Amino acid sequence: MLEMFLEKTKFENHEDFVNNFKIKVPENFNFGYDVVDYLAEKTPDAKAIIWCNDEGDEKTFTFSQIKERSDKAAAFFLSQGIKRGDFVMLILQRRYEFWTSIIALHKIGAAVIPATHMLTKEDIIYRNNAANIKAIVAVNAGDVLKHVENSLSESPSIKCLIAVNSKGIDKELSQIDKQNHPLWKDFTSGTENVTTEQMLAFTQLERSEISKNTDISIAYFTSGTTNQPKLVSHNFLYPLGHIVTASYWQQVKKGGLHLTVADTGWGKAVWGKLYGQWIAGCCVFVYDYHAKFKPIDLMKQVEKYKITSFCAPPTIYRFLIQEDLSVFDLSSLEHCSTAGEPLSEEVFNKWKNITGLELKEGFGQTETTLSLLNFGNEKVKPGSIGKSAPYYNVTLLDENFEEVVDGEVGEIVVRIKDDVFPGLFIEYYGDEEKTKSVKHDGMYFTGDNAWRDEDGFFWFTGRSDDVIKCSGYRIGTFEVESVLMQHPAVVECAVTAAPDPVRGQVVKATIILAKNYKPGSDELKKDIQNFVKNTTAPYKYPRIIDFVDELPKTISGKIMRKNLRKE
């Protein structure tokens, strides 16, 4: 159905892509009706989701089944008092009910906030009050429901609680104050037993009154390393922005099967498990694991289900290339992509040697859709995040808002030429000052730095505020990490500034070693230091190296460098 939304779908090269890619924006777009219901009518038996877990369970849902289930869920949500504009938080891990719920909420015009199952009581209280959340749909796994329960006394906006997989719920939540707090409703029975009256109330909704393009459809709390998370809000055109993500970066195809490694609590899930994939007519694959995650298990799924396209962060690829992948049949894979961390040339080359496929990098933020990408079958420069995506008009500016020359580091800035910009966030909800600090003068300032080479490829260097000043040199943490990741002993690392009485600051590297290397060796430290000196400018080498078993991270998986700095 790409032809429904694009004036042109085939492009000769990146220049053609940027200049002639144009989205035909409907007057009143709603993904639930205009994509899901359309596909249910035109291709009712086409597969939408293949879901399995590590306990041997498996389910397949067609587009007609997704429509039926989402309609019932929409009717159920309406009956619980959820309506247009209400914020609803989904804490559903990797449960298939996530897809039913998010489509249902789109269909009634509510605003969805996906959230991770790793949130604690304090996290939930903050989110409930920051967004005035009305309802929570949560999975009965681990301590999720208990943390929600414990947040209620300080969350006055919550009026509705809905539990998924709620066996034994009464016993597990015996501490519920049934007089002062809403009771948990069971999602399965609530949706399966929708009454005729409830369904009629849903079907009688007027499309023109359900949602407008400018309404908030989905919002994400960004994980802050120094401040409380910001609520990044997107409108109902957001899914259209992910046409580029899925069709022209991940290169999913109609009738294919795509796997993106992400839980439903993160933005990457709708980047790779929903919007763009379904617009392209591609089925999404979901692996719901409960035991400790092992990247090698993904390859078992690729082989078993014949997955055609795969997207994962570089960390996953780094772990995979250390395994013997020759025991798997990976011939079904046609395309692989990656984003979010430094990709070393070593990982790029080893993966290509194993699979015959080049890893295509991309760049984007919670505030955007894909902003930079390696396009089509054009030349790839390992480590580069590619070139500008359509609509984004990416440039690099210095601290005086002047464009930098090739080879010079500047802030990644998006020039907003069009009033209708499918994919760019509306605002930081409830924080006008913060919004204006990054969106002004017809531009969005990403806060991320990069440099551009003579061929127009962008190379990420790190956050604008994450710079080490050593003996007069300015050193980006990301560029040092990128070099370190090329060393065979390094699986994961974080570079931070350490105070120094002579130099002001020096580079410190905190490193997780590959399984064949042992910490405690001065020889290994010197080898890593010399490797950096010989690979990049010598002044960037880490004068301090610590070997650790794990790095401190936020609940979204971002390294907490402030903790390392304190240490």
Protein backbone atom coordinates (compact mmCIF):
# COMPACT_ATOMS: atom_id res chain seq x y z
CA MET A 1 0.00 0.00 0.00
CA LEU A 2 2.99 2.31 -0.34
CA GLU A 3 1.40 3.74 -3.49
CA MET A 4 -1.46 5.07 -1.36
CA PHE A 5 0.89 7.37 0.55
CA LEU A 6 3.78 8.07 -1.82
CA GLU A 7 3.82 9.98 -5.08
CA LYS A 8 6.83 7.89 -6.13
CA THR A 9 8.11 4.62 -4.64
CA LYS A 10 11.22 3.76 -6.69
CA PHE A 11 14.35 5.92 -6.62
CA GLU A 12 17.53 5.70 -8.67
CA ASN A 13 19.90 7.04 -6.03
CA HIS A 14 20.06 9.01 -2.81
CA GLU A 15 19.76 12.37 -4.58
CA ASP A 16 16.62 11.21 -6.37
CA PHE A 17 15.30 9.87 -3.05
CA VAL A 18 15.79 13.11 -1.12
CA ASN A 19 14.49 15.37 -3.89
CA ASN A 20 11.48 13.35 -5.02
CA PHE A 21 10.25 11.38 -2.01
CA LYS A 22 6.89 12.92 -1.13
CA ILE A 23 4.23 11.68 1.26
CA LYS A 24 0.61 12.18 0.27
CA VAL A 25 -0.78 13.23 3.63
CA PRO A 26 -4.46 12.34 4.16
CA GLU A 27 -6.68 15.04 5.59
CA ASN A 28 -7.47 12.95 8.66
CA PHE A 29 -5.03 10.06 8.95
CA ASN A 30 -5.50 7.34 11.54
CA PHE A 31 -3.21 4.30 11.37
CA GLY A 32 -5.84 2.04 12.90
CA TYR A 33 -8.37 2.67 10.16
CA ASP A 34 -6.28 3.72 7.18
CA VAL A 35 -3.66 0.97 7.45
CA VAL A 36 -4.83 -1.89 9.68
CA ASP A 37 -8.47 -1.94 8.61
CA TYR A 38 -7.53 -1.35 4.98
CA LEU A 39 -5.16 -4.34 5.02
CA ALA A 40 -7.78 -6.43 6.80
CA GLU A 41 -10.17 -5.72 3.94
CA LYS A 42 -7.74 -6.09 1.05
CA THR A 43 -5.49 -8.90 2.39
CA PRO A 44 -7.43 -10.46 5.28
CA ASP A 45 -5.36 -13.64 5.44
CA ALA A 46 -1.95 -11.98 5.18
CA LYS A 47 0.17 -12.48 8.29
CA ALA A 48 0.64 -9.42 10.49
CA ILE A 49 2.45 -10.89 13.52
CA ILE A 50 4.27 -14.11 14.28
CA TRP A 51 4.80 -14.30 18.03
CA CYS A 52 6.63 -16.93 20.05
CA ASN A 53 8.31 -17.21 23.42
CA ASP A 54 11.09 -19.24 25.00
CA GLU A 55 8.54 -21.55 26.62
CA GLY A 56 7.40 -23.10 23.35
CA ASP A 57 4.24 -21.02 22.79
CA GLU A 58 3.52 -19.63 19.34
CA LYS A 59 0.75 -17.51 17.82
CA THR A 60 0.15 -16.08 14.37
CA PHE A 61 -2.22 -13.18 13.71
CA THR A 62 -3.54 -12.11 10.32
CA PHE A 63 -4.56 -8.55 9.54
CA SER A 64 -8.24 -9.51 9.73
CA GLN A 65 -7.63 -10.91 13.22
CA ILE A 66 -5.78 -7.77 14.28
CA LYS A 67 -8.76 -5.69 13.10
CA GLU A 68 -11.25 -7.84 14.97
CA ARG A 69 -9.20 -7.89 18.17
CA SER A 70 -8.44 -4.16 18.06
CA ASP A 71 -12.12 -3.32 17.48
CA LYS A 72 -13.11 -5.33 20.55
CA ALA A 73 -10.33 -3.76 22.59
CA ALA A 74 -11.42 -0.29 21.45
CA ALA A 75 -14.99 -1.01 22.55
CA PHE A 76 -13.72 -2.33 25.89
CA PHE A 77 -11.49 0.70 26.47
CA LEU A 78 -14.40 3.03 25.70
CA SER A 79 -16.58 1.18 28.20
CA GLN A 80 -13.90 1.87 30.84
CA GLY A 81 -14.16 5.60 30.26
CA ILE A 82 -11.09 5.99 28.05
CA LYS A 83 -11.72 8.53 25.31
CA ARG A 84 -10.10 10.87 22.81
CA GLY A 85 -7.10 12.72 24.22
CA ASP A 86 -6.69 10.58 27.33
CA PHE A 87 -3.17 9.36 28.09
CA VAL A 88 -2.91 5.58 28.49
CA MET A 89 0.33 3.89 29.53
CA LEU A 90 1.11 0.44 28.10
CA ILE A 91 3.54 -1.69 30.13
CA LEU A 92 3.39 -4.88 28.13
CA GLN A 93 6.97 -6.10 27.63
CA ARG A 94 6.76 -8.28 24.49
CA ARG A 95 3.18 -9.50 24.84
CA TYR A 96 1.11 -9.65 21.63
CA GLU A 97 -1.63 -7.67 23.40
CA PHE A 98 0.55 -4.60 22.85
CA TRP A 99 -0.37 -4.52 19.17
CA THR A 100 -4.06 -4.99 19.88
CA SER A 101 -4.00 -2.25 22.49
CA ILE A 102 -2.06 0.40 20.59
CA ILE A 103 -4.24 0.01 17.49
CA ALA A 104 -7.39 0.11 19.62
CA LEU A 105 -6.27 3.30 21.35
CA HIS A 106 -5.51 4.90 18.00
CA LYS A 107 -9.03 3.98 16.87
CA ILE A 108 -10.62 5.92 19.73
CA GLY A 109 -8.21 8.85 19.56
CA ALA A 110 -6.46 8.22 22.89
CA ALA A 111 -2.77 9.01 23.36
CA VAL A 112 -0.47 6.04 23.95
CA ILE A 113 2.59 6.05 26.21
CA PRO A 114 4.55 2.80 25.82
CA ALA A 115 6.72 2.09 28.86
CA THR A 116 9.23 -0.50 29.94
CA HIS A 117 8.37 -3.28 32.39
CA MET A 118 11.49 -2.32 34.35
CA LEU A 119 9.86 0.79 35.84
CA THR A 120 9.69 0.95 39.62
CA LYS A 121 7.16 2.66 41.87
CA GLU A 122 8.92 6.05 41.73
CA ASP A 123 9.29 5.88 37.94
CA ILE A 124 5.58 5.20 37.55
CA ILE A 125 4.54 7.96 39.94
CA TYR A 126 6.60 10.49 38.00
CA ARG A 127 5.11 9.42 34.66
CA ASN A 128 1.54 9.29 35.93
CA ASN A 129 1.70 12.84 37.20
CA ALA A 130 3.79 14.35 34.40
CA ALA A 131 1.31 13.20 31.76
CA ASN A 132 -1.86 13.10 33.88
CA ILE A 133 -2.21 9.45 32.83
CA LYS A 134 -5.77 8.13 33.09
CA ALA A 135 -5.31 4.40 32.54
CA ILE A 136 -2.58 1.76 32.68
CA VAL A 137 -2.58 -1.50 30.75
CA ALA A 138 0.10 -3.72 32.28
CA VAL A 139 1.36 -7.26 32.02
CA ASN A 140 1.24 -9.52 35.05
CA ALA A 141 4.94 -10.39 35.02
CA GLY A 142 7.57 -9.96 37.68
CA ASP A 143 6.69 -7.05 39.97
CA VAL A 144 5.02 -4.87 37.32
CA LEU A 145 1.51 -4.90 38.80
CA LYS A 146 2.79 -4.44 42.34
CA HIS A 147 4.82 -1.39 41.33
CA VAL A 148 1.73 0.06 39.65
CA GLU A 149 -0.31 -0.65 42.79
CA ASN A 150 2.25 1.00 45.03
CA SER A 151 2.19 4.14 42.87
CA LEU A 152 -1.56 4.72 43.13
CA SER A 153 -1.63 6.63 46.42
CA GLU A 154 0.47 9.34 44.75
CA SER A 155 -1.15 9.13 41.30
CA PRO A 156 -4.56 10.83 41.51
CA SER A 157 -5.12 10.89 37.74
CA ILE A 158 -5.35 7.07 37.41
CA LYS A 159 -8.98 5.98 36.94
CA CYS A 160 -8.58 2.63 35.21
CA LEU A 161 -6.29 -0.41 35.57
CA ILE A 162 -6.25 -3.26 33.06
CA ALA A 163 -4.13 -6.38 33.49
CA VAL A 164 -2.84 -8.71 30.78
CA ASN A 165 -2.06 -12.35 31.60
CA SER A 166 -3.81 -11.87 34.94
CA LYS A 167 -3.94 -15.42 36.29
CA GLY A 168 -3.76 -15.38 40.09
CA ILE A 169 -4.17 -11.64 40.18
CA ASP A 170 -6.27 -11.59 43.36
CA LYS A 171 -3.67 -13.50 45.35
CA GLU A 172 -0.72 -11.52 44.04
CA LEU A 173 -2.33 -8.15 44.69
CA SER A 174 -3.91 -8.80 48.06
CA GLN A 175 -2.70 -5.40 49.29
CA ILE A 176 -5.08 -3.53 46.98
CA ASP A 177 -7.01 -0.82 48.77
CA LYS A 178 -10.30 -1.65 47.08
CA GLN A 179 -12.11 1.33 48.55
CA ASN A 180 -9.78 4.07 47.34
CA HIS A 181 -8.22 2.70 44.14
CA PRO A 182 -9.62 1.33 40.88
CA LEU A 183 -9.73 -2.45 40.64
CA TRP A 184 -7.80 -4.34 38.00
CA LYS A 185 -9.89 -5.40 35.02
CA ASP A 186 -8.87 -8.45 33.02
CA PHE A 187 -7.90 -7.57 29.43
CA THR A 188 -8.70 -10.99 27.95
CA SER A 189 -12.18 -11.37 29.42
CA GLY A 190 -12.94 -7.69 28.90
CA THR A 191 -12.16 -7.82 25.18
CA GLU A 192 -13.60 -11.26 24.49
CA ASN A 193 -16.89 -10.49 26.23
CA VAL A 194 -17.62 -7.10 24.71
CA THR A 195 -21.36 -6.56 24.71
CA THR A 196 -23.45 -5.55 21.72
CA GLU A 197 -24.04 -2.16 23.34
CA GLN A 198 -20.33 -1.60 23.92
CA MET A 199 -19.47 -2.50 20.33
CA LEU A 200 -22.24 -0.26 19.05
CA ALA A 201 -20.88 2.67 21.06
CA PHE A 202 -17.52 2.18 19.36
CA THR A 203 -18.79 1.69 15.80
CA GLN A 204 -20.98 4.79 16.05
CA LEU A 205 -17.98 7.04 16.63
CA GLU A 206 -17.61 9.61 13.86
CA ARG A 207 -14.21 9.39 12.14
CA SER A 208 -13.97 13.16 11.98
CA GLU A 209 -14.43 13.33 15.75
CA ILE A 210 -12.02 10.54 16.70
CA SER A 211 -8.73 12.26 15.90
CA LYS A 212 -7.10 15.03 13.92
CA ASN A 213 -3.66 14.91 12.30
CA THR A 214 -2.40 17.40 14.89
CA ASP A 215 -3.60 15.44 17.94
CA ILE A 216 -1.14 13.53 20.12
CA SER A 217 -1.20 9.85 19.17
CA ILE A 218 1.90 8.52 20.92
CA ALA A 219 4.45 9.86 23.39
CA TYR A 220 7.63 8.56 24.96
CA PHE A 221 9.46 9.46 28.12
CA THR A 222 13.11 9.84 27.18
CA SER A 223 15.54 8.39 29.67
CA GLY A 224 17.46 11.19 31.29
CA THR A 225 20.98 10.64 32.61
CA THR A 226 21.06 13.92 34.52
CA ASN A 227 17.43 15.11 34.67
CA GLN A 228 13.98 13.60 34.89
CA PRO A 229 12.74 12.16 31.57
CA LYS A 230 11.02 14.46 29.10
CA LEU A 231 7.75 13.44 27.45
CA VAL A 232 8.26 13.55 23.68
CA SER A 233 4.88 13.77 21.93
CA HIS A 234 4.07 12.85 18.32
CA ASN A 235 0.94 13.45 16.30
CA PHE A 236 -1.18 11.06 14.22
CA LEU A 237 1.07 11.53 11.16
CA TYR A 238 4.00 9.93 13.00
CA PRO A 239 3.49 6.45 11.43
CA LEU A 240 3.87 7.93 7.94
CA GLY A 241 7.33 9.16 8.88
CA HIS A 242 8.35 5.54 9.39
CA ILE A 243 7.79 4.64 5.75
CA VAL A 244 11.43 5.65 5.25
CA THR A 245 12.51 3.67 8.32
CA ALA A 246 11.01 0.41 7.14
CA SER A 247 10.98 0.49 3.35
CA TYR A 248 14.15 2.40 2.55
CA TRP A 249 16.46 1.67 5.49
CA GLN A 250 15.43 -1.71 6.89
CA GLN A 251 14.27 -2.59 3.35
CA VAL A 252 11.35 -4.72 4.51
CA LYS A 253 9.18 -6.16 1.78
CA LYS A 254 5.58 -7.17 1.24
CA GLY A 255 5.13 -10.75 2.39
CA GLY A 256 8.47 -10.70 4.23
CA LEU A 257 9.16 -11.32 7.91
CA HIS A 258 11.02 -8.64 9.85
CA LEU A 259 12.71 -8.86 13.26
CA THR A 260 13.79 -5.76 15.15
CA VAL A 261 15.36 -6.36 18.56
CA ALA A 262 13.36 -4.15 20.95
CA ASP A 263 10.85 -4.41 23.77
CA THR A 264 7.54 -2.63 23.30
CA GLY A 265 8.43 -0.09 25.99
CA TRP A 266 10.96 1.64 23.73
CA GLY A 267 10.51 3.80 20.66
CA LYS A 268 12.52 1.30 18.63
CA ALA A 269 9.54 -1.08 18.81
CA VAL A 270 7.27 1.12 16.68
CA TRP A 271 10.28 1.90 14.47
CA GLY A 272 10.75 -1.78 13.72
CA LYS A 273 7.72 -3.75 14.85
CA LEU A 274 4.68 -1.84 13.68
CA TYR A 275 4.14 1.30 11.61
CA GLY A 276 6.42 1.22 8.60
CA GLN A 277 6.46 -2.56 8.40
CA TRP A 278 2.68 -2.87 8.14
CA ILE A 279 2.42 0.01 5.68
CA ALA A 280 4.82 -2.03 3.52
CA GLY A 281 2.67 -5.16 4.01
CA CYS A 282 5.43 -6.94 5.94
CA CYS A 283 4.83 -9.32 8.83
CA VAL A 284 6.63 -8.57 12.11
CA PHE A 285 8.28 -11.24 14.23
CA VAL A 286 8.25 -11.07 18.02
CA TYR A 287 10.39 -13.23 20.31
CA ASP A 288 9.11 -12.99 23.89
CA TYR A 289 11.83 -14.37 26.15
CA HIS A 290 11.67 -14.65 29.92
CA ALA A 291 14.97 -16.28 30.82
CA LYS A 292 18.21 -14.29 30.52
CA PHE A 293 18.52 -12.93 27.01
CA LYS A 294 21.08 -14.66 24.80
CA PRO A 295 21.71 -13.01 21.43
CA ILE A 296 22.49 -16.39 19.87
CA ASP A 297 18.84 -17.40 20.44
CA LEU A 298 17.89 -14.83 17.80
CA MET A 299 19.74 -16.81 15.16
CA LYS A 300 17.69 -19.88 16.07
CA GLN A 301 14.57 -17.85 15.30
CA VAL A 302 16.02 -16.55 12.03
CA GLU A 303 16.69 -20.12 10.91
CA LYS A 304 13.39 -21.58 12.12
CA TYR A 305 11.02 -18.89 10.85
CA LYS A 306 13.00 -17.81 7.76
CA ILE A 307 13.26 -14.17 8.78
CA THR A 308 14.04 -11.94 5.80
CA SER A 309 15.20 -8.69 7.43
CA PHE A 310 16.89 -8.04 10.76
CA CYS A 311 17.63 -4.90 12.75
CA ALA A 312 19.59 -4.76 16.01
CA PRO A 313 22.02 -2.44 17.82
CA PRO A 314 25.76 -3.00 17.23
CA THR A 315 26.09 -4.63 20.65
CA ILE A 316 23.96 -7.55 19.46
CA TYR A 317 26.10 -7.99 16.35
CA ARG A 318 29.28 -7.82 18.48
CA PHE A 319 28.05 -10.68 20.63
CA LEU A 320 26.89 -12.68 17.60
CA ILE A 321 30.18 -12.57 15.71
CA GLN A 322 31.88 -14.17 18.71
CA GLU A 323 29.68 -17.24 18.27
CA ASP A 324 29.94 -20.03 15.74
CA LEU A 325 27.19 -18.95 13.35
CA SER A 326 28.13 -21.57 10.79
CA VAL A 327 25.79 -24.00 12.57
CA PHE A 328 22.78 -21.89 11.51
CA ASP A 329 21.13 -21.56 8.13
CA LEU A 330 20.83 -17.78 7.75
CA SER A 331 20.19 -17.85 4.01
CA SER A 332 16.70 -16.34 4.42
CA LEU A 333 18.23 -13.02 5.51
CA GLU A 334 18.15 -10.44 2.74
CA HIS A 335 18.96 -7.25 4.65
CA CYS A 336 20.46 -6.22 7.99
CA SER A 337 20.50 -2.80 9.64
CA THR A 338 21.79 -1.22 12.84
CA ALA A 339 21.71 2.01 14.85
CA GLY A 340 22.22 3.50 18.27
CA GLU A 341 25.90 2.83 19.03
CA PRO A 342 29.32 2.88 17.36
CA LEU A 343 29.65 0.24 14.65
CA SER A 344 33.25 -0.86 14.18
CA GLU A 345 34.67 -1.83 10.82
CA GLU A 346 35.65 -5.17 12.33
CA VAL A 347 32.03 -6.01 13.18
CA PHE A 348 30.91 -4.77 9.76
CA ASN A 349 33.44 -6.96 7.96
CA LYS A 350 32.92 -10.07 10.08
CA TRP A 351 29.16 -9.92 9.69
CA LYS A 352 29.54 -9.48 5.94
CA ASN A 353 31.91 -12.46 5.80
CA ILE A 354 29.42 -14.61 7.71
CA THR A 355 26.20 -13.59 5.98
CA GLY A 356 27.29 -11.83 2.80
CA LEU A 357 25.27 -8.80 3.95
CA GLU A 358 26.46 -5.29 4.69
CA LEU A 359 25.13 -3.64 7.85
CA LYS A 360 23.25 -0.45 6.95
CA GLU A 361 23.53 2.19 9.67
CA GLY A 362 21.01 4.89 10.40
CA PHE A 363 20.41 7.69 12.88
CA GLY A 364 17.35 9.07 14.60
CA GLN A 365 16.02 10.13 17.99
CA THR A 366 12.88 9.72 20.09
CA GLU A 367 12.01 13.18 18.76
CA THR A 368 12.26 12.10 15.12
CA THR A 369 11.90 9.20 12.77
CA LEU A 370 14.94 8.11 10.75
CA SER A 371 16.93 11.27 10.02
CA LEU A 372 20.09 9.89 8.39
CA LEU A 373 20.55 6.58 6.58
CA ASN A 374 22.63 4.51 4.23
CA PHE A 375 20.31 4.34 1.26
CA GLY A 376 19.49 1.37 -0.95
CA ASN A 377 22.42 -0.47 -2.49
CA GLU A 378 24.66 2.56 -2.63
CA LYS A 379 28.20 2.52 -1.29
CA VAL A 380 28.51 1.99 2.46
CA LYS A 381 31.25 3.51 4.59
CA PRO A 382 31.48 1.37 7.75
CA GLY A 383 30.94 3.58 10.78
CA SER A 384 29.06 6.32 8.94
CA ILE A 385 25.43 6.99 9.84
CA GLY A 386 24.78 7.86 6.21
CA LYS A 387 23.16 10.81 4.51
CA SER A 388 20.07 12.91 5.13
CA ALA A 389 16.62 11.33 4.93
CA PRO A 390 13.84 13.08 2.99
CA TYR A 391 12.12 15.98 4.81
CA TYR A 392 14.95 16.28 7.35
CA ASN A 393 17.32 18.61 5.46
CA VAL A 394 20.13 17.83 7.90
CA THR A 395 22.97 20.29 8.30
CA LEU A 396 25.77 20.87 10.82
CA LEU A 397 26.06 24.13 12.74
CA ASP A 398 28.71 25.52 15.08
CA GLU A 399 28.03 27.34 18.34
CA ASN A 400 27.44 30.56 16.37
CA PHE A 401 24.76 28.86 14.24
CA GLU A 402 27.02 28.93 11.20
CA GLU A 403 27.34 25.91 8.89
CA VAL A 404 30.62 24.07 9.37
CA VAL A 405 32.85 22.94 6.53
CA ASP A 406 33.43 19.30 5.64
CA GLY A 407 35.61 17.57 8.20
CA GLU A 408 34.63 19.93 11.02
CA VAL A 409 32.38 18.81 13.89
CA GLY A 410 29.04 20.56 14.32
CA GLU A 411 25.64 19.98 15.88
CA ILE A 412 23.18 17.94 13.82
CA VAL A 413 20.36 20.34 12.97
CA VAL A 414 17.15 19.75 11.01
CA ARG A 415 15.88 22.60 8.85
CA ILE A 416 12.08 22.55 8.97
CA LYS A 417 10.97 23.67 5.52
CA ASP A 418 7.46 22.21 5.51
CA ASP A 419 4.53 22.87 7.82
CA VAL A 420 3.55 19.20 7.49
CA PHE A 421 6.50 17.15 8.69
CA PRO A 422 5.50 13.50 9.28
CA GLY A 423 7.76 12.15 11.99
CA LEU A 424 9.09 15.22 13.82
CA PHE A 425 7.84 15.57 17.40
CA ILE A 426 5.29 18.19 18.40
CA GLU A 427 6.74 19.24 21.73
CA TYR A 428 8.07 18.18 25.08
CA TYR A 429 4.66 17.81 26.66
CA GLY A 430 4.08 20.32 29.43
CA ASP A 431 7.45 22.03 28.94
CA GLU A 432 7.15 24.94 26.53
CA GLU A 433 10.51 26.40 27.56
CA LYS A 434 12.39 23.19 26.85
CA THR A 435 10.60 22.80 23.51
CA LYS A 436 11.55 26.31 22.43
CA SER A 437 15.16 25.71 23.41
CA VAL A 438 15.50 23.03 20.70
CA LYS A 439 12.88 24.14 18.12
CA HIS A 440 13.36 27.70 16.98
CA ASP A 441 14.23 29.78 13.92
CA GLY A 442 12.81 27.12 11.61
CA MET A 443 15.17 24.47 12.93
CA TYR A 444 15.30 21.55 15.34
CA PHE A 445 18.57 21.27 17.27
CA THR A 446 19.23 17.62 18.07
CA GLY A 447 21.97 18.08 20.67
CA ASP A 448 24.06 15.48 18.82
CA ASN A 449 27.35 16.18 17.06
CA ALA A 450 28.78 14.83 13.82
CA TRP A 451 31.12 15.72 10.98
CA ARG A 452 30.54 15.31 7.25
CA ASP A 453 33.10 13.99 4.78
CA GLU A 454 33.72 15.13 1.21
CA ASP A 455 31.21 12.58 -0.14
CA GLY A 456 28.38 13.85 2.06
CA PHE A 457 28.45 11.01 4.62
CA PHE A 458 27.86 11.94 8.26
CA TRP A 459 29.96 10.54 11.12
CA PHE A 460 28.51 10.71 14.63
CA THR A 461 30.84 11.96 17.39
CA GLY A 462 28.58 12.21 20.47
CA ARG A 463 26.30 14.51 22.41
CA SER A 464 27.06 18.21 22.25
CA ASP A 465 27.56 18.35 26.00
CA ASP A 466 29.69 15.18 26.16
CA VAL A 467 33.15 16.54 25.30
CA ILE A 468 36.45 15.96 27.11
CA LYS A 469 38.79 18.97 27.31
CA CYS A 470 42.35 17.67 27.68
CA SER A 471 45.38 19.97 27.44
CA GLY A 472 43.48 22.29 25.11
CA TYR A 473 42.15 19.49 22.92
CA ARG A 474 38.41 18.84 22.58
CA ILE A 475 37.76 15.10 22.42
CA GLY A 476 34.36 13.57 21.66
CA THR A 477 33.63 10.49 23.76
CA PHE A 478 31.87 8.73 20.91
CA GLU A 479 34.85 8.98 18.55
CA VAL A 480 37.12 7.31 21.12
CA GLU A 481 34.53 4.62 21.80
CA SER A 482 34.28 3.97 18.07
CA VAL A 483 38.01 3.23 17.92
CA LEU A 484 38.00 1.12 21.08
CA MET A 485 35.21 -1.02 19.67
CA GLN A 486 37.51 -2.03 16.84
CA HIS A 487 39.87 -3.76 19.27
CA PRO A 488 39.13 -7.51 19.45
CA ALA A 489 39.26 -7.50 23.27
CA VAL A 490 36.48 -4.92 23.64
CA VAL A 491 32.81 -5.96 23.66
CA GLU A 492 31.36 -2.79 25.16
CA CYS A 493 32.84 0.42 26.52
CA ALA A 494 32.15 3.89 27.83
CA VAL A 495 34.51 6.85 27.60
CA THR A 496 34.36 9.64 30.16
CA ALA A 497 36.47 12.51 31.45
CA ALA A 498 38.59 11.98 34.56
CA PRO A 499 40.02 15.00 36.43
CA ASP A 500 43.77 15.55 36.08
CA PRO A 501 45.83 18.21 37.92
CA VAL A 502 48.05 18.90 34.89
CA ARG A 503 45.82 18.40 31.85
CA GLY A 504 42.52 19.42 33.41
CA GLN A 505 40.84 16.27 32.15
CA VAL A 506 42.06 13.00 30.67
CA VAL A 507 40.30 10.25 28.75
CA LYS A 508 39.11 7.31 30.81
CA ALA A 509 37.77 4.11 29.24
CA THR A 510 35.58 1.65 31.15
CA ILE A 511 35.60 -1.62 29.25
CA ILE A 512 33.79 -4.95 29.19
CA LEU A 513 36.14 -7.55 27.76
CA ALA A 514 35.40 -10.28 25.24
CA LYS A 515 35.11 -13.72 26.81
CA ASN A 516 38.59 -14.84 25.69
CA TYR A 517 40.34 -11.97 27.51
CA LYS A 518 41.15 -11.60 31.20
CA PRO A 519 41.27 -8.31 33.15
CA GLY A 520 44.16 -7.32 35.36
CA SER A 521 46.85 -7.32 32.68
CA ASP A 522 48.92 -4.15 32.28
CA GLU A 523 50.05 -5.56 28.96
CA LEU A 524 46.45 -5.66 27.70
CA LYS A 525 45.89 -2.07 28.83
CA LYS A 526 49.01 -0.92 26.97
CA ASP A 527 47.95 -2.85 23.89
CA ILE A 528 44.56 -1.12 23.89
CA GLN A 529 46.16 2.29 24.45
CA ASN A 530 48.63 1.78 21.61
CA PHE A 531 45.82 0.57 19.37
CA VAL A 532 43.97 3.86 19.90
CA LYS A 533 47.14 5.90 19.36
CA ASN A 534 47.82 4.13 16.08
CA THR A 535 44.22 4.29 14.84
CA THR A 536 43.30 7.89 15.57
CA ALA A 537 44.99 11.08 16.79
CA PRO A 538 47.33 10.03 19.65
CA TYR A 539 46.02 12.68 22.07
CA LYS A 540 42.69 10.83 22.19
CA TYR A 541 44.03 7.64 23.76
CA PRO A 542 42.63 6.63 27.19
CA ARG A 543 45.21 7.29 29.90
CA ILE A 544 43.02 5.43 32.39
CA ILE A 545 41.42 2.03 31.65
CA ASP A 546 39.10 0.11 33.95
CA PHE A 547 37.84 -3.40 33.19
CA VAL A 548 34.33 -4.16 34.50
CA ASP A 549 31.72 -6.90 34.21
CA GLU A 550 28.91 -4.46 33.39
CA LEU A 551 28.26 -0.78 32.75
CA PRO A 552 25.71 1.33 34.65
CA LYS A 553 22.74 1.97 32.39
CA THR A 554 19.37 3.70 32.43
CA ILE A 555 16.23 1.59 32.12
CA SER A 556 16.34 2.27 28.38
CA GLY A 557 19.82 0.80 28.10
CA LYS A 558 21.76 4.05 27.72
CA ILE A 559 25.10 4.15 29.52
CA MET A 560 25.03 6.39 32.58
CA ARG A 561 28.31 8.21 32.16
CA LYS A 562 27.56 10.46 35.12
CA ASN A 563 27.88 7.42 37.40
CA LEU A 564 31.23 6.57 35.86
CA ARG A 565 32.39 10.17 36.28
CA LYS A 566 31.50 10.07 39.99
CA GLU A 567 33.54 6.92 40.40
